[in-house]
Amino acid sequence: MIALIHIKKTAGKTLKHIMRCAYGAAHCDVKRWSDDAHVFSAADLNRLMRINPWLASIAGHSVRSTSDIDQAVADLRFYTFLRDPIKRTVSQYQYSVAQGRCREGAFDQWIARDTYRNVQTTTIAGVADAHAAIAEIESRIAFVGLMERFDESLALMQDALLGDNAAMQAVHDANLEDQKVFDYVVREVYPRQQKAATRVSVGANGTASAGRAPRQYNRRFFTNGLYRYAVYKPAVALWRGIGSRG
């Protein structure tokens, strides 16, 4: 089983989309089964596998290699994606404003909160300590991709995590025509634009975003959605309801 440690604003939605298409109902975007829990636990995973015994892939903000969930599955392999910290933080702030979670112009108050500082390190290690995060990566996390090198990271992930090539084959099959267009632009259009350019301008935030192919949908994706909304989420809600009553 593979487990995505989903760090906010690091292409997690795209990764989960890929896994839904690749694994169908055998993938689950997990939630904590208890409102007062901080991470997805071995007990949570055991409950999930009772209603989804064919589970092969999980992902979520509450998935942590520092938790005990690997006690539930012997061959659990963690992976995650990182992003340039400055770009990631700016993106999260913009998202917070767009979602109404932060008042526009209140950046100083927003960035002062611990929850928005050293987010990637804290997610990986549980503490804001780079040495601890690096140690966790070296000892417990099977693969670390980079959002800025997303396509290359997916290719590398194929060898690191997906020995049967099932998920990556689904990715390739879903992007056959996109790949032709992308290759043509890289080979013909982009070099022509580079030669014609007399001045290179930088975006307002000083960065360029990582390019990603448009999302593709298939039968497995919709099977995953049916399972997620008809089985998994109602089961978690029922369990939380029982827990809150007693």
Foldseek 3Di string as FASTA:
>chain_A
DEEEQEFPPQCPVVVLLLCLLLPFQLEEADDDLAPPDQANALVNVVVVCVVVVSHDYYYYNRHALPHHNCVNPVPYAYEYEDEDLVVSLVVVVVVCCVVVVDPPPPVVVVCVDPCSPCRVQCSHQVDNDPVSSVVSCVPGHQYYHYSQPVVVRLVVVCVRPPVVCRSVVSVCVQCVVVVVVVVCCVVPVVVVVVVPDPDDDADPSRDDGRDDDDRGDDPSNVSNVCCRVVPVVVVSVVSNVVVVVD
